[in-house]
Amino acid sequence: RLERSSIAATIVRNPAFMDVWMVMAGAM
């Protein structure tokens, strides 16, 4: 949708957050 927009867009694609996945892996 942003690609079709008249607004200039910047897409920031990120992989796994270390903040989340350390907890998900068992390290609260």
PDB file of all heavy atoms in Angstrom:
ATOM      1  N   ARG A   1       0.832  -1.210   0.000  1.00  0.00           N
ATOM      2  CA  ARG A   1       0.000   0.000   0.000  1.00  0.00           C
ATOM      3  C   ARG A   1       0.863   1.256   0.000  1.00  0.00           C
ATOM      4  O   ARG A   1       0.557   2.234  -0.706  1.00  0.00           O
ATOM      5  CB  ARG A   1      -0.925  -0.008   1.228  1.00  0.00           C
ATOM      6  CG  ARG A   1      -1.786   1.253   1.353  1.00  0.00           C
ATOM      7  CD  ARG A   1      -2.710   1.443   0.166  1.00  0.00           C
ATOM      8  NE  ARG A   1      -3.519   2.648   0.270  1.00  0.00           N
ATOM      9  CZ  ARG A   1      -3.122   3.872  -0.088  1.00  0.00           C
ATOM     10  NH1 ARG A   1      -1.905   4.042  -0.589  1.00  0.00           N
ATOM     11  NH2 ARG A   1      -3.933   4.905   0.043  1.00  0.00           N
ATOM     12  N   LEU A   2       1.944   1.243   0.757  1.00  0.00           N
ATOM     13  CA  LEU A   2       2.838   2.404   0.780  1.00  0.00           C
ATOM     14  C   LEU A   2       3.532   2.589  -0.572  1.00  0.00           C
ATOM     15  O   LEU A   2       3.791   3.723  -0.986  1.00  0.00           O
ATOM     16  CB  LEU A   2       3.869   2.246   1.895  1.00  0.00           C
ATOM     17  CG  LEU A   2       3.348   2.457   3.310  1.00  0.00           C
ATOM     18  CD1 LEU A   2       4.387   2.030   4.337  1.00  0.00           C
ATOM     19  CD2 LEU A   2       2.948   3.920   3.534  1.00  0.00           C
ATOM     20  N   GLU A   3       3.810   1.490  -1.240  1.00  0.00           N
ATOM     21  CA  GLU A   3       4.440   1.588  -2.564  1.00  0.00           C
ATOM     22  C   GLU A   3       3.521   2.294  -3.558  1.00  0.00           C
ATOM     23  O   GLU A   3       3.993   3.001  -4.457  1.00  0.00           O
ATOM     24  CB  GLU A   3       4.790   0.187  -3.071  1.00  0.00           C
ATOM     25  CG  GLU A   3       5.592   0.189  -4.357  1.00  0.00           C
ATOM     26  CD  GLU A   3       5.983  -1.214  -4.799  1.00  0.00           C
ATOM     27  OE1 GLU A   3       5.726  -2.162  -4.047  1.00  0.00           O
ATOM     28  OE2 GLU A   3       6.539  -1.333  -5.904  1.00  0.00           O
ATOM     29  N   ARG A   4       2.212   2.140  -3.377  1.00  0.00           N
ATOM     30  CA  ARG A   4       1.246   2.803  -4.269  1.00  0.00           C
ATOM     31  C   ARG A   4       0.935   4.231  -3.826  1.00  0.00           C
ATOM     32  O   ARG A   4       0.225   4.953  -4.516  1.00  0.00           O
ATOM     33  CB  ARG A   4      -0.069   2.011  -4.305  1.00  0.00           C
ATOM     34  CG  ARG A   4       0.057   0.580  -4.796  1.00  0.00           C
ATOM     35  CD  ARG A   4      -1.310  -0.023  -5.092  1.00  0.00           C
ATOM     36  NE  ARG A   4      -2.201  -0.002  -3.936  1.00  0.00           N
ATOM     37  CZ  ARG A   4      -2.283  -0.967  -3.020  1.00  0.00           C
ATOM     38  NH1 ARG A   4      -1.486  -2.029  -3.115  1.00  0.00           N
ATOM     39  NH2 ARG A   4      -3.131  -0.873  -2.004  1.00  0.00           N
ATOM     40  N   SER A   5       1.459   4.627  -2.689  1.00  0.00           N
ATOM     41  CA  SER A   5       1.117   5.925  -2.117  1.00  0.00           C
ATOM     42  C   SER A   5       1.935   7.062  -2.722  1.00  0.00           C
ATOM     43  O   SER A   5       3.039   6.857  -3.249  1.00  0.00           O
ATOM     44  CB  SER A   5       1.342   5.884  -0.598  1.00  0.00           C
ATOM     45  OG  SER A   5       1.139   7.150  -0.025  1.00  0.00           O
ATOM     46  N   SER A   6       1.391   8.254  -2.618  1.00  0.00           N
ATOM     47  CA  SER A   6       2.123   9.452  -3.041  1.00  0.00           C
ATOM     48  C   SER A   6       3.144   9.883  -1.986  1.00  0.00           C
ATOM     49  O   SER A   6       3.975  10.751  -2.236  1.00  0.00           O
ATOM     50  CB  SER A   6       1.133  10.596  -3.276  1.00  0.00           C
ATOM     51  OG  SER A   6       0.378  10.864  -2.093  1.00  0.00           O
ATOM     52  N   ILE A   7       3.086   9.274  -0.810  1.00  0.00           N
ATOM     53  CA  ILE A   7       4.004   9.599   0.282  1.00  0.00           C
ATOM     54  C   ILE A   7       5.314   8.841   0.083  1.00  0.00           C
ATOM     55  O   ILE A   7       5.310   7.646  -0.212  1.00  0.00           O
ATOM     56  CB  ILE A   7       3.390   9.204   1.640  1.00  0.00           C
ATOM     57  CG1 ILE A   7       2.058   9.913   1.855  1.00  0.00           C
ATOM     58  CG2 ILE A   7       4.362   9.529   2.782  1.00  0.00           C
ATOM     59  CD1 ILE A   7       1.293   9.417   3.080  1.00  0.00           C
ATOM     60  N   ALA A   8       6.444   9.514   0.275  1.00  0.00           N
ATOM     61  CA  ALA A   8       7.740   8.840   0.235  1.00  0.00           C
ATOM     62  C   ALA A   8       7.844   7.931   1.455  1.00  0.00           C
ATOM     63  O   ALA A   8       7.638   8.375   2.582  1.00  0.00           O
ATOM     64  CB  ALA A   8       8.870   9.867   0.247  1.00  0.00           C
ATOM     65  N   ALA A   9       8.147   6.656   1.219  1.00  0.00           N
ATOM     66  CA  ALA A   9       8.143   5.687   2.315  1.00  0.00           C
ATOM     67  C   ALA A   9       9.522   5.075   2.530  1.00  0.00           C
ATOM     68  O   ALA A   9      10.271   4.837   1.581  1.00  0.00           O
ATOM     69  CB  ALA A   9       7.133   4.578   2.039  1.00  0.00           C
ATOM     70  N   THR A  10       9.828   4.823   3.800  1.00  0.00           N
ATOM     71  CA  THR A  10      11.028   4.079   4.183  1.00  0.00           C
ATOM     72  C   THR A  10      10.568   2.848   4.953  1.00  0.00           C
ATOM     73  O   THR A  10       9.878   2.974   5.963  1.00  0.00           O
ATOM     74  CB  THR A  10      11.959   4.922   5.077  1.00  0.00           C
ATOM     75  OG1 THR A  10      12.273   6.148   4.423  1.00  0.00           O
ATOM     76  CG2 THR A  10      13.234   4.145   5.386  1.00  0.00           C
ATOM     77  N   ILE A  11      10.933   1.669   4.479  1.00  0.00           N
ATOM     78  CA  ILE A  11      10.561   0.417   5.123  1.00  0.00           C
ATOM     79  C   ILE A  11      11.775  -0.120   5.862  1.00  0.00           C
ATOM     80  O   ILE A  11      12.836  -0.330   5.266  1.00  0.00           O
ATOM     81  CB  ILE A  11      10.085  -0.625   4.086  1.00  0.00           C
ATOM     82  CG1 ILE A  11       8.980  -0.052   3.176  1.00  0.00           C
ATOM     83  CG2 ILE A  11       9.633  -1.900   4.789  1.00  0.00           C
ATOM     84  CD1 ILE A  11       7.731   0.351   3.903  1.00  0.00           C
ATOM     85  N   VAL A  12      11.633  -0.335   7.163  1.00  0.00           N
ATOM     86  CA  VAL A  12      12.725  -0.878   7.972  1.00  0.00           C
ATOM     87  C   VAL A  12      12.370  -2.315   8.358  1.00  0.00           C
ATOM     88  O   VAL A  12      11.498  -2.541   9.185  1.00  0.00           O
ATOM     89  CB  VAL A  12      12.960  -0.021   9.231  1.00  0.00           C
ATOM     90  CG1 VAL A  12      14.079  -0.625  10.082  1.00  0.00           C
ATOM     91  CG2 VAL A  12      13.301   1.418   8.855  1.00  0.00           C
ATOM     92  N   ARG A  13      13.045  -3.274   7.722  1.00  0.00           N
ATOM     93  CA  ARG A  13      12.786  -4.698   7.989  1.00  0.00           C
ATOM     94  C   ARG A  13      13.806  -5.226   8.989  1.00  0.00           C
ATOM     95  O   ARG A  13      15.007  -5.180   8.741  1.00  0.00           O
ATOM     96  CB  ARG A  13      12.886  -5.509   6.700  1.00  0.00           C
ATOM     97  CG  ARG A  13      11.782  -5.223   5.690  1.00  0.00           C
ATOM     98  CD  ARG A  13      12.043  -6.018   4.419  1.00  0.00           C
ATOM     99  NE  ARG A  13      10.982  -5.867   3.434  1.00  0.00           N
ATOM    100  CZ  ARG A  13      11.085  -6.258   2.162  1.00  0.00           C
ATOM    101  NH1 ARG A  13      12.210  -6.824   1.730  1.00  0.00           N
ATOM    102  NH2 ARG A  13      10.086  -6.086   1.322  1.00  0.00           N
ATOM    103  N   ASN A  14      13.314  -5.737  10.105  1.00  0.00           N
ATOM    104  CA  ASN A  14      14.237  -6.248  11.114  1.00  0.00           C
ATOM    105  C   ASN A  14      14.005  -7.728  11.395  1.00  0.00           C
ATOM    106  O   ASN A  14      12.877  -8.214  11.304  1.00  0.00           O
ATOM    107  CB  ASN A  14      14.109  -5.459  12.411  1.00  0.00           C
ATOM    108  CG  ASN A  14      12.737  -5.558  13.036  1.00  0.00           C
ATOM    109  OD1 ASN A  14      11.881  -4.717  12.809  1.00  0.00           O
ATOM    110  ND2 ASN A  14      12.514  -6.581  13.837  1.00  0.00           N
ATOM    111  N   PRO A  15      15.076  -8.469  11.752  1.00  0.00           N
ATOM    112  CA  PRO A  15      14.928  -9.872  12.147  1.00  0.00           C
ATOM    113  C   PRO A  15      14.518  -9.983  13.611  1.00  0.00           C
ATOM    114  O   PRO A  15      13.947  -9.043  14.170  1.00  0.00           O
ATOM    115  CB  PRO A  15      16.344 -10.433  11.908  1.00  0.00           C
ATOM    116  CG  PRO A  15      17.228  -9.257  12.196  1.00  0.00           C
ATOM    117  CD  PRO A  15      16.464  -8.036  11.742  1.00  0.00           C
ATOM    118  N   ALA A  16      14.833 -11.106  14.264  1.00  0.00           N
ATOM    119  CA  ALA A  16      14.382 -11.375  15.626  1.00  0.00           C
ATOM    120  C   ALA A  16      14.954 -10.384  16.638  1.00  0.00           C
ATOM    121  O   ALA A  16      16.154 -10.102  16.640  1.00  0.00           O
ATOM    122  CB  ALA A  16      14.777 -12.798  16.013  1.00  0.00           C
ATOM    123  N   PHE A  17      14.082  -9.862  17.524  1.00  0.00           N
ATOM    124  CA  PHE A  17      14.527  -9.001  18.616  1.00  0.00           C
ATOM    125  C   PHE A  17      15.189  -9.853  19.701  1.00  0.00           C
ATOM    126  O   PHE A  17      14.584 -10.791  20.222  1.00  0.00           O
ATOM    127  CB  PHE A  17      13.342  -8.264  19.259  1.00  0.00           C
ATOM    128  CG  PHE A  17      12.774  -7.160  18.436  1.00  0.00           C
ATOM    129  CD1 PHE A  17      11.400  -7.039  18.296  1.00  0.00           C
ATOM    130  CD2 PHE A  17      13.591  -6.232  17.823  1.00  0.00           C
ATOM    131  CE1 PHE A  17      10.852  -6.004  17.552  1.00  0.00           C
ATOM    132  CE2 PHE A  17      13.061  -5.198  17.068  1.00  0.00           C
ATOM    133  CZ  PHE A  17      11.687  -5.082  16.933  1.00  0.00           C
ATOM    134  N   MET A  18      16.412  -9.507  20.070  1.00  0.00           N
ATOM    135  CA  MET A  18      17.054 -10.232  21.168  1.00  0.00           C
ATOM    136  C   MET A  18      16.286 -10.020  22.467  1.00  0.00           C
ATOM    137  O   MET A  18      16.225 -10.918  23.324  1.00  0.00           O
ATOM    138  CB  MET A  18      18.518  -9.800  21.320  1.00  0.00           C
ATOM    139  CG  MET A  18      18.738  -8.328  21.574  1.00  0.00           C
ATOM    140  SD  MET A  18      20.518  -7.908  21.713  1.00  0.00           S
ATOM    141  CE  MET A  18      21.101  -8.132  20.028  1.00  0.00           C
ATOM    142  N   ASP A  19      15.637  -8.852  22.626  1.00  0.00           N
ATOM    143  CA  ASP A  19      14.848  -8.551  23.822  1.00  0.00           C
ATOM    144  C   ASP A  19      13.731  -9.565  24.045  1.00  0.00           C
ATOM    145  O   ASP A  19      13.388  -9.896  25.186  1.00  0.00           O
ATOM    146  CB  ASP A  19      14.188  -7.167  23.707  1.00  0.00           C
ATOM    147  CG  ASP A  19      15.053  -6.105  23.087  1.00  0.00           C
ATOM    148  OD1 ASP A  19      15.668  -6.386  22.043  1.00  0.00           O
ATOM    149  OD2 ASP A  19      15.095  -4.985  23.607  1.00  0.00           O
ATOM    150  N   VAL A  20      13.162 -10.050  22.944  1.00  0.00           N
ATOM    151  CA  VAL A  20      12.031 -10.972  23.016  1.00  0.00           C
ATOM    152  C   VAL A  20      12.499 -12.425  23.018  1.00  0.00           C
ATOM    153  O   VAL A  20      12.053 -13.231  23.835  1.00  0.00           O
ATOM    154  CB  VAL A  20      11.063 -10.734  21.846  1.00  0.00           C
ATOM    155  CG1 VAL A  20       9.955 -11.788  21.827  1.00  0.00           C
ATOM    156  CG2 VAL A  20      10.468  -9.334  21.931  1.00  0.00           C
ATOM    157  N   TRP A  21      13.430 -12.760  22.135  1.00  0.00           N
ATOM    158  CA  TRP A  21      13.748 -14.169  21.934  1.00  0.00           C
ATOM    159  C   TRP A  21      14.571 -14.783  23.045  1.00  0.00           C
ATOM    160  O   TRP A  21      14.533 -15.994  23.248  1.00  0.00           O
ATOM    161  CB  TRP A  21      14.386 -14.372  20.560  1.00  0.00           C
ATOM    162  CG  TRP A  21      13.330 -14.258  19.516  1.00  0.00           C
ATOM    163  CD1 TRP A  21      13.022 -13.155  18.771  1.00  0.00           C
ATOM    164  CD2 TRP A  21      12.353 -15.241  19.176  1.00  0.00           C
ATOM    165  NE1 TRP A  21      11.930 -13.410  17.979  1.00  0.00           N
ATOM    166  CE2 TRP A  21      11.498 -14.678  18.198  1.00  0.00           C
ATOM    167  CE3 TRP A  21      12.128 -16.551  19.590  1.00  0.00           C
ATOM    168  CZ2 TRP A  21      10.442 -15.375  17.643  1.00  0.00           C
ATOM    169  CZ3 TRP A  21      11.077 -17.249  19.030  1.00  0.00           C
ATOM    170  CH2 TRP A  21      10.246 -16.669  18.062  1.00  0.00           C
ATOM    171  N   MET A  22      15.299 -13.981  23.804  1.00  0.00           N
ATOM    172  CA  MET A  22      15.987 -14.555  24.958  1.00  0.00           C
ATOM    173  C   MET A  22      14.955 -15.052  25.984  1.00  0.00           C
ATOM    174  O   MET A  22      15.117 -16.108  26.593  1.00  0.00           O
ATOM    175  CB  MET A  22      16.914 -13.530  25.597  1.00  0.00           C
ATOM    176  CG  MET A  22      18.085 -13.108  24.728  1.00  0.00           C
ATOM    177  SD  MET A  22      19.070 -14.489  24.075  1.00  0.00           S
ATOM    178  CE  MET A  22      18.458 -14.587  22.373  1.00  0.00           C
ATOM    179  N   VAL A  23      13.884 -14.290  26.161  1.00  0.00           N
ATOM    180  CA  VAL A  23      12.825 -14.682  27.091  1.00  0.00           C
ATOM    181  C   VAL A  23      12.053 -15.873  26.531  1.00  0.00           C
ATOM    182  O   VAL A  23      11.755 -16.835  27.252  1.00  0.00           O
ATOM    183  CB  VAL A  23      11.880 -13.501  27.373  1.00  0.00           C
ATOM    184  CG1 VAL A  23      10.737 -13.927  28.291  1.00  0.00           C
ATOM    185  CG2 VAL A  23      12.648 -12.343  28.000  1.00  0.00           C
ATOM    186  N   MET A  24      11.733 -15.841  25.255  1.00  0.00           N
ATOM    187  CA  MET A  24      11.021 -16.957  24.625  1.00  0.00           C
ATOM    188  C   MET A  24      11.822 -18.252  24.703  1.00  0.00           C
ATOM    189  O   MET A  24      11.258 -19.340  24.776  1.00  0.00           O
ATOM    190  CB  MET A  24      10.726 -16.625  23.157  1.00  0.00           C
ATOM    191  CG  MET A  24       9.773 -15.471  22.932  1.00  0.00           C
ATOM    192  SD  MET A  24       8.058 -15.901  23.274  1.00  0.00           S
ATOM    193  CE  MET A  24       7.657 -16.919  21.842  1.00  0.00           C
ATOM    194  N   ALA A  25      13.160 -18.121  24.701  1.00  0.00           N
ATOM    195  CA  ALA A  25      14.025 -19.300  24.721  1.00  0.00           C
ATOM    196  C   ALA A  25      14.179 -19.889  26.114  1.00  0.00           C
ATOM    197  O   ALA A  25      14.721 -20.986  26.272  1.00  0.00           O
ATOM    198  CB  ALA A  25      15.393 -18.946  24.158  1.00  0.00           C
ATOM    199  N   GLY A  26      13.730 -19.152  27.146  1.00  0.00           N
ATOM    200  CA  GLY A  26      13.800 -19.697  28.499  1.00  0.00           C
ATOM    201  C   GLY A  26      14.620 -18.904  29.482  1.00  0.00           C
ATOM    202  O   GLY A  26      14.956 -19.409  30.556  1.00  0.00           O
ATOM    203  N   ALA A  27      14.963 -17.657  29.139  1.00  0.00           N
ATOM    204  CA  ALA A  27      15.784 -16.838  30.022  1.00  0.00           C
ATOM    205  C   ALA A  27      15.011 -15.585  30.446  1.00  0.00           C
ATOM    206  O   ALA A  27      15.251 -14.486  29.943  1.00  0.00           O
ATOM    207  CB  ALA A  27      17.098 -16.446  29.345  1.00  0.00           C
ATOM    208  N   MET A  28      14.086 -15.752  31.380  1.00  0.00           N
ATOM    209  CA  MET A  28      13.329 -14.606  31.877  1.00  0.00           C
ATOM    210  C   MET A  28      14.241 -13.571  32.532  1.00  0.00           C
ATOM    211  O   MET A  28      13.917 -12.383  32.595  1.00  0.00           O
ATOM    212  CB  MET A  28      12.276 -15.058  32.887  1.00  0.00           C
ATOM    213  CG  MET A  28      11.057 -15.725  32.279  1.00  0.00           C
ATOM    214  SD  MET A  28       9.778 -16.093  33.505  1.00  0.00           S
ATOM    215  CE  MET A  28       9.292 -14.441  33.997  1.00  0.00           C
TER     216      MET A  28
END
